Amino acid sequence: MRGPSHRQGGIPIEAEGDEIILTKGVYRNPVLRSMASQINYAAGGRKFEAGGPVNPLRDSGGSRVPTSGAAAAPMFDLSPIINKLDDLVDSNNRMIHRIKVVNNLQETQEGLNTLNSLQAEADV
């Protein structure tokens, strides 16, 4: 979906129970978007379109995952995808812990002085 952010009011949608909505981060990352599309297709959904509306009348080709019987299981192994996602999360967490914020007091004071000056000029 394309449209305004949550802060700007978002996009009103209609979804049914048990459906999942992914973050814009998944949409913006071609690798994650492709993985999500493959998972959706494997579970009987449609492959994600490159953009634009999805035609609900188009045949999706039926379910690719058995849904009946005690032995129902995916037709392919998702563990490599899950392992890769775990690795990405771990890597991201390590990067977050290395972030250091440096605040230069002189630059902060100069910025405050500029704001005060602008405010004084606006009050004239």
N, C-alpha and C. Protein backbone atom coordinates (compact mmCIF):
# COMPACT_ATOMS: atom_id res chain seq x y z
N MET A 1 0.84 -1.17 0.00
CA MET A 1 0.00 0.00 0.00
C MET A 1 0.88 1.23 0.00
N ARG A 2 0.46 2.21 -0.72
CA ARG A 2 1.16 3.49 -0.73
C ARG A 2 0.19 4.54 -0.22
N GLY A 3 0.71 5.45 0.59
CA GLY A 3 -0.14 6.50 1.12
C GLY A 3 0.51 7.16 2.32
N PRO A 4 -0.28 7.92 3.07
CA PRO A 4 0.27 8.67 4.20
C PRO A 4 0.72 7.76 5.34
N SER A 5 1.65 8.29 6.15
CA SER A 5 2.13 7.57 7.33
C SER A 5 1.05 7.55 8.41
N HIS A 6 1.30 6.78 9.48
CA HIS A 6 0.36 6.78 10.61
C HIS A 6 0.18 8.19 11.15
N ARG A 7 1.28 8.93 11.27
CA ARG A 7 1.24 10.29 11.80
C ARG A 7 0.34 11.19 10.95
N GLN A 8 0.27 10.90 9.65
CA GLN A 8 -0.53 11.71 8.73
C GLN A 8 -1.94 11.13 8.53
N GLY A 9 -2.33 10.18 9.34
CA GLY A 9 -3.67 9.61 9.25
C GLY A 9 -3.73 8.21 8.68
N GLY A 10 -2.63 7.75 8.08
CA GLY A 10 -2.58 6.38 7.59
C GLY A 10 -3.51 6.11 6.42
N ILE A 11 -3.78 4.83 6.21
CA ILE A 11 -4.67 4.37 5.14
C ILE A 11 -5.74 3.49 5.78
N PRO A 12 -7.01 3.86 5.64
CA PRO A 12 -8.05 2.98 6.20
C PRO A 12 -8.12 1.70 5.35
N ILE A 13 -8.06 0.56 6.02
CA ILE A 13 -8.10 -0.71 5.30
C ILE A 13 -9.11 -1.63 5.96
N GLU A 14 -9.49 -2.66 5.22
CA GLU A 14 -10.33 -3.71 5.77
C GLU A 14 -9.54 -4.99 5.72
N ALA A 15 -9.39 -5.64 6.87
CA ALA A 15 -8.66 -6.90 6.94
C ALA A 15 -9.55 -7.92 7.65
N GLU A 16 -9.24 -9.18 7.48
CA GLU A 16 -10.00 -10.20 8.18
C GLU A 16 -9.17 -10.81 9.28
N GLY A 17 -9.81 -11.51 10.19
CA GLY A 17 -9.11 -12.13 11.30
C GLY A 17 -7.97 -13.02 10.85
N ASP A 18 -6.92 -13.06 11.63
CA ASP A 18 -5.74 -13.88 11.40
C ASP A 18 -4.86 -13.39 10.25
N GLU A 19 -5.17 -12.23 9.65
CA GLU A 19 -4.28 -11.68 8.63
C GLU A 19 -3.16 -10.90 9.33
N ILE A 20 -2.04 -10.83 8.67
CA ILE A 20 -0.87 -10.14 9.21
C ILE A 20 -0.56 -8.93 8.34
N ILE A 21 -0.27 -7.82 8.98
CA ILE A 21 0.17 -6.62 8.28
C ILE A 21 1.63 -6.40 8.65
N LEU A 22 2.48 -6.24 7.65
CA LEU A 22 3.91 -6.07 7.88
C LEU A 22 4.28 -4.59 7.88
N THR A 23 5.43 -4.27 8.44
CA THR A 23 5.87 -2.89 8.52
C THR A 23 6.35 -2.39 7.17
N LYS A 24 6.44 -1.06 7.06
CA LYS A 24 6.96 -0.48 5.83
C LYS A 24 8.43 -0.85 5.63
N GLY A 25 9.11 -1.22 6.71
CA GLY A 25 10.50 -1.66 6.59
C GLY A 25 10.61 -2.92 5.75
N VAL A 26 9.63 -3.82 5.88
CA VAL A 26 9.62 -5.04 5.05
C VAL A 26 9.36 -4.65 3.60
N TYR A 27 8.42 -3.75 3.37
CA TYR A 27 8.09 -3.33 2.01
C TYR A 27 9.29 -2.66 1.34
N ARG A 28 10.01 -1.83 2.09
CA ARG A 28 11.11 -1.06 1.51
C ARG A 28 12.39 -1.88 1.30
N ASN A 29 12.47 -3.05 1.91
CA ASN A 29 13.65 -3.89 1.77
C ASN A 29 13.34 -4.99 0.76
N PRO A 30 13.93 -4.95 -0.43
CA PRO A 30 13.59 -5.92 -1.48
C PRO A 30 13.77 -7.38 -1.05
N VAL A 31 14.78 -7.67 -0.25
CA VAL A 31 15.01 -9.05 0.20
C VAL A 31 13.89 -9.49 1.13
N LEU A 32 13.57 -8.66 2.12
CA LEU A 32 12.51 -9.02 3.07
C LEU A 32 11.15 -9.08 2.37
N ARG A 33 10.89 -8.14 1.43
CA ARG A 33 9.62 -8.14 0.70
C ARG A 33 9.48 -9.43 -0.11
N SER A 34 10.57 -9.87 -0.75
CA SER A 34 10.54 -11.11 -1.52
C SER A 34 10.28 -12.31 -0.61
N MET A 35 10.95 -12.33 0.54
CA MET A 35 10.75 -13.44 1.48
C MET A 35 9.30 -13.48 1.97
N ALA A 36 8.75 -12.31 2.30
CA ALA A 36 7.36 -12.24 2.76
C ALA A 36 6.40 -12.70 1.67
N SER A 37 6.69 -12.31 0.43
CA SER A 37 5.86 -12.72 -0.70
C SER A 37 5.89 -14.24 -0.87
N GLN A 38 7.07 -14.84 -0.74
CA GLN A 38 7.20 -16.29 -0.87
C GLN A 38 6.44 -17.02 0.23
N ILE A 39 6.53 -16.50 1.45
CA ILE A 39 5.80 -17.10 2.57
C ILE A 39 4.30 -16.99 2.33
N ASN A 40 3.84 -15.82 1.90
CA ASN A 40 2.42 -15.61 1.63
C ASN A 40 1.92 -16.58 0.55
N TYR A 41 2.70 -16.73 -0.52
CA TYR A 41 2.34 -17.62 -1.62
C TYR A 41 2.33 -19.08 -1.16
N ALA A 42 3.31 -19.46 -0.33
CA ALA A 42 3.40 -20.84 0.16
C ALA A 42 2.20 -21.21 1.02
N ALA A 43 1.60 -20.21 1.66
CA ALA A 43 0.45 -20.47 2.53
C ALA A 43 -0.88 -20.31 1.80
N GLY A 44 -0.84 -20.21 0.46
CA GLY A 44 -2.08 -20.16 -0.31
C GLY A 44 -2.47 -18.77 -0.75
N GLY A 45 -1.68 -17.75 -0.41
CA GLY A 45 -1.98 -16.38 -0.84
C GLY A 45 -1.38 -16.08 -2.19
N ARG A 46 -1.49 -14.82 -2.57
CA ARG A 46 -0.94 -14.37 -3.84
C ARG A 46 0.48 -13.85 -3.64
N LYS A 47 1.27 -13.90 -4.69
CA LYS A 47 2.57 -13.24 -4.67
C LYS A 47 2.33 -11.74 -4.66
N PHE A 48 3.18 -11.00 -3.97
CA PHE A 48 3.03 -9.56 -3.90
C PHE A 48 3.25 -8.96 -5.28
N GLU A 49 2.46 -7.98 -5.59
CA GLU A 49 2.59 -7.28 -6.86
C GLU A 49 3.71 -6.24 -6.75
N ALA A 50 4.22 -5.80 -7.87
CA ALA A 50 5.26 -4.77 -7.87
C ALA A 50 4.66 -3.42 -7.47
N GLY A 51 3.37 -3.30 -7.46
CA GLY A 51 2.69 -2.07 -7.10
C GLY A 51 1.31 -2.07 -7.72
N GLY A 52 0.46 -1.21 -7.24
CA GLY A 52 -0.89 -1.12 -7.77
C GLY A 52 -1.82 -2.11 -7.11
N PRO A 53 -3.08 -2.06 -7.50
CA PRO A 53 -4.07 -2.93 -6.85
C PRO A 53 -3.87 -4.40 -7.20
N VAL A 54 -4.23 -5.25 -6.26
CA VAL A 54 -4.20 -6.69 -6.49
C VAL A 54 -5.59 -7.09 -6.94
N ASN A 55 -5.68 -7.88 -7.98
CA ASN A 55 -6.96 -8.31 -8.53
C ASN A 55 -7.48 -9.48 -7.72
N PRO A 56 -8.56 -9.28 -6.92
CA PRO A 56 -9.07 -10.37 -6.10
C PRO A 56 -9.73 -11.48 -6.91
N LEU A 57 -9.99 -11.24 -8.20
CA LEU A 57 -10.65 -12.26 -9.04
C LEU A 57 -9.64 -13.17 -9.72
N ARG A 58 -8.34 -12.80 -9.69
CA ARG A 58 -7.32 -13.62 -10.32
C ARG A 58 -7.09 -14.88 -9.49
N ASP A 59 -6.98 -15.99 -10.15
CA ASP A 59 -6.72 -17.26 -9.47
C ASP A 59 -5.30 -17.26 -8.93
N SER A 60 -5.16 -17.54 -7.64
CA SER A 60 -3.82 -17.57 -7.04
C SER A 60 -3.15 -18.92 -7.20
N GLY A 61 -3.83 -19.88 -7.79
CA GLY A 61 -3.20 -21.18 -8.02
C GLY A 61 -3.44 -22.16 -6.89
N GLY A 62 -4.26 -21.79 -5.92
CA GLY A 62 -4.57 -22.71 -4.83
C GLY A 62 -3.51 -22.73 -3.77
N SER A 63 -3.77 -23.48 -2.74
CA SER A 63 -2.87 -23.55 -1.59
C SER A 63 -1.63 -24.35 -1.92
N ARG A 64 -0.49 -23.85 -1.48
CA ARG A 64 0.76 -24.57 -1.67
C ARG A 64 1.18 -25.31 -0.42
N VAL A 65 0.41 -25.15 0.66
CA VAL A 65 0.73 -25.83 1.91
C VAL A 65 -0.45 -26.72 2.28
N PRO A 66 -0.21 -28.01 2.55
CA PRO A 66 -1.31 -28.87 2.98
C PRO A 66 -1.94 -28.30 4.25
N THR A 67 -3.28 -28.29 4.29
CA THR A 67 -3.96 -27.71 5.45
C THR A 67 -4.82 -28.71 6.19
N SER A 68 -4.75 -29.99 5.82
CA SER A 68 -5.57 -30.97 6.52
C SER A 68 -4.71 -32.14 6.97
N GLY A 69 -5.18 -32.81 7.99
CA GLY A 69 -4.47 -33.98 8.49
C GLY A 69 -3.43 -33.60 9.52
N ALA A 70 -3.10 -34.54 10.38
CA ALA A 70 -2.16 -34.29 11.47
C ALA A 70 -0.75 -34.05 10.96
N ALA A 71 -0.42 -34.55 9.77
CA ALA A 71 0.94 -34.43 9.27
C ALA A 71 1.11 -33.25 8.33
N ALA A 72 0.16 -32.30 8.34
CA ALA A 72 0.27 -31.15 7.46
C ALA A 72 1.54 -30.38 7.75
N ALA A 73 2.33 -30.11 6.70
CA ALA A 73 3.59 -29.40 6.87
C ALA A 73 3.90 -28.64 5.58
N PRO A 74 4.69 -27.58 5.67
CA PRO A 74 5.05 -26.85 4.46
C PRO A 74 5.77 -27.76 3.47
N MET A 75 5.64 -27.42 2.19
CA MET A 75 6.29 -28.22 1.16
C MET A 75 7.76 -27.86 1.02
N PHE A 76 8.23 -26.85 1.75
CA PHE A 76 9.64 -26.51 1.73
C PHE A 76 10.06 -26.11 3.14
N ASP A 77 11.35 -26.17 3.38
CA ASP A 77 11.91 -25.91 4.70
C ASP A 77 12.14 -24.41 4.89
N LEU A 78 11.47 -23.81 5.87
CA LEU A 78 11.63 -22.39 6.16
C LEU A 78 12.81 -22.10 7.09
N SER A 79 13.48 -23.13 7.61
CA SER A 79 14.53 -22.89 8.60
C SER A 79 15.68 -22.04 8.06
N PRO A 80 16.11 -22.13 6.79
CA PRO A 80 17.16 -21.22 6.33
C PRO A 80 16.72 -19.76 6.37
N ILE A 81 15.47 -19.49 6.04
CA ILE A 81 14.95 -18.12 6.09
C ILE A 81 14.90 -17.64 7.54
N ILE A 82 14.42 -18.49 8.42
CA ILE A 82 14.32 -18.12 9.83
C ILE A 82 15.72 -17.88 10.41
N ASN A 83 16.68 -18.73 10.06
CA ASN A 83 18.05 -18.55 10.54
C ASN A 83 18.64 -17.24 10.04
N LYS A 84 18.39 -16.91 8.77
CA LYS A 84 18.90 -15.65 8.21
C LYS A 84 18.27 -14.46 8.93
N LEU A 85 16.97 -14.53 9.19
CA LEU A 85 16.31 -13.44 9.92
C LEU A 85 16.88 -13.30 11.33
N ASP A 86 17.12 -14.41 11.99
CA ASP A 86 17.73 -14.37 13.32
C ASP A 86 19.11 -13.70 13.27
N ASP A 87 19.90 -14.04 12.24
CA ASP A 87 21.22 -13.43 12.08
C ASP A 87 21.11 -11.92 11.86
N LEU A 88 20.13 -11.51 11.04
CA LEU A 88 19.93 -10.08 10.79
C LEU A 88 19.53 -9.34 12.06
N VAL A 89 18.65 -9.93 12.86
CA VAL A 89 18.24 -9.32 14.12
C VAL A 89 19.42 -9.19 15.07
N ASP A 90 20.22 -10.26 15.19
CA ASP A 90 21.41 -10.21 16.06
C ASP A 90 22.38 -9.14 15.60
N SER A 91 22.62 -9.06 14.30
CA SER A 91 23.53 -8.05 13.76
C SER A 91 23.02 -6.65 14.04
N ASN A 92 21.73 -6.45 13.84
CA ASN A 92 21.11 -5.14 14.11
C ASN A 92 21.23 -4.77 15.58
N ASN A 93 21.01 -5.73 16.46
CA ASN A 93 21.12 -5.46 17.90
C ASN A 93 22.54 -5.08 18.28
N ARG A 94 23.53 -5.72 17.67
CA ARG A 94 24.93 -5.38 17.97
C ARG A 94 25.24 -3.96 17.50
N MET A 95 24.71 -3.56 16.34
CA MET A 95 24.95 -2.21 15.84
C MET A 95 24.30 -1.17 16.75
N ILE A 96 23.11 -1.44 17.24
CA ILE A 96 22.40 -0.49 18.10
C ILE A 96 23.20 -0.24 19.37
N HIS A 97 23.82 -1.26 19.92
CA HIS A 97 24.57 -1.11 21.17
C HIS A 97 25.87 -0.33 20.97
N ARG A 98 26.32 -0.17 19.72
CA ARG A 98 27.56 0.57 19.45
C ARG A 98 27.32 2.04 19.13
N ILE A 99 26.06 2.47 19.04
CA ILE A 99 25.77 3.85 18.72
C ILE A 99 26.14 4.74 19.90
N LYS A 100 26.86 5.81 19.60
CA LYS A 100 27.27 6.76 20.63
C LYS A 100 26.79 8.14 20.20
N VAL A 101 26.08 8.81 21.07
CA VAL A 101 25.58 10.14 20.78
C VAL A 101 26.55 11.15 21.38
N VAL A 102 26.98 12.09 20.55
CA VAL A 102 27.90 13.14 21.00
C VAL A 102 27.17 14.47 20.86
N ASN A 103 27.10 15.21 21.94
CA ASN A 103 26.44 16.50 21.93
C ASN A 103 27.49 17.58 22.21
N ASN A 104 27.66 18.48 21.26
CA ASN A 104 28.61 19.57 21.40
C ASN A 104 27.87 20.73 22.04
N LEU A 105 28.24 21.10 23.27
CA LEU A 105 27.55 22.14 24.02
C LEU A 105 27.59 23.48 23.31
N GLN A 106 28.72 23.80 22.67
CA GLN A 106 28.84 25.08 21.98
C GLN A 106 27.86 25.16 20.81
N GLU A 107 27.77 24.07 20.02
CA GLU A 107 26.84 24.06 18.89
C GLU A 107 25.40 24.13 19.38
N THR A 108 25.09 23.48 20.49
CA THR A 108 23.75 23.53 21.05
C THR A 108 23.42 24.95 21.48
N GLN A 109 24.35 25.60 22.15
CA GLN A 109 24.13 26.98 22.60
C GLN A 109 23.95 27.92 21.41
N GLU A 110 24.76 27.73 20.35
CA GLU A 110 24.62 28.56 19.15
C GLU A 110 23.24 28.37 18.52
N GLY A 111 22.78 27.14 18.51
CA GLY A 111 21.44 26.87 17.97
C GLY A 111 20.36 27.54 18.79
N LEU A 112 20.49 27.48 20.10
CA LEU A 112 19.50 28.14 20.97
C LEU A 112 19.54 29.66 20.78
N ASN A 113 20.74 30.22 20.63
CA ASN A 113 20.87 31.66 20.39
C ASN A 113 20.18 32.05 19.08
N THR A 114 20.37 31.25 18.05
CA THR A 114 19.71 31.51 16.76
C THR A 114 18.20 31.46 16.90
N LEU A 115 17.69 30.46 17.60
CA LEU A 115 16.24 30.35 17.81
C LEU A 115 15.71 31.55 18.58
N ASN A 116 16.41 31.94 19.63
CA ASN A 116 15.98 33.10 20.42
C ASN A 116 15.99 34.37 19.58
N SER A 117 17.01 34.53 18.72
CA SER A 117 17.10 35.69 17.85
C SER A 117 15.93 35.72 16.87
N LEU A 118 15.62 34.56 16.27
CA LEU A 118 14.50 34.47 15.33
C LEU A 118 13.18 34.77 16.01
N GLN A 119 13.02 34.28 17.22
CA GLN A 119 11.79 34.53 17.98
C GLN A 119 11.66 36.01 18.30
N ALA A 120 12.76 36.65 18.68
CA ALA A 120 12.75 38.08 18.99
C ALA A 120 12.38 38.89 17.75
N GLU A 121 12.93 38.51 16.61
CA GLU A 121 12.61 39.21 15.35
C GLU A 121 11.15 39.02 14.96
N ALA A 122 10.62 37.84 15.21
CA ALA A 122 9.23 37.56 14.85
C ALA A 122 8.25 38.33 15.74
N ASP A 123 8.64 38.64 16.96
CA ASP A 123 7.78 39.36 17.89
C ASP A 123 7.75 40.87 17.64
N VAL A 124 8.59 41.34 16.71
CA VAL A 124 8.69 42.80 16.45
C VAL A 124 7.43 43.33 15.86
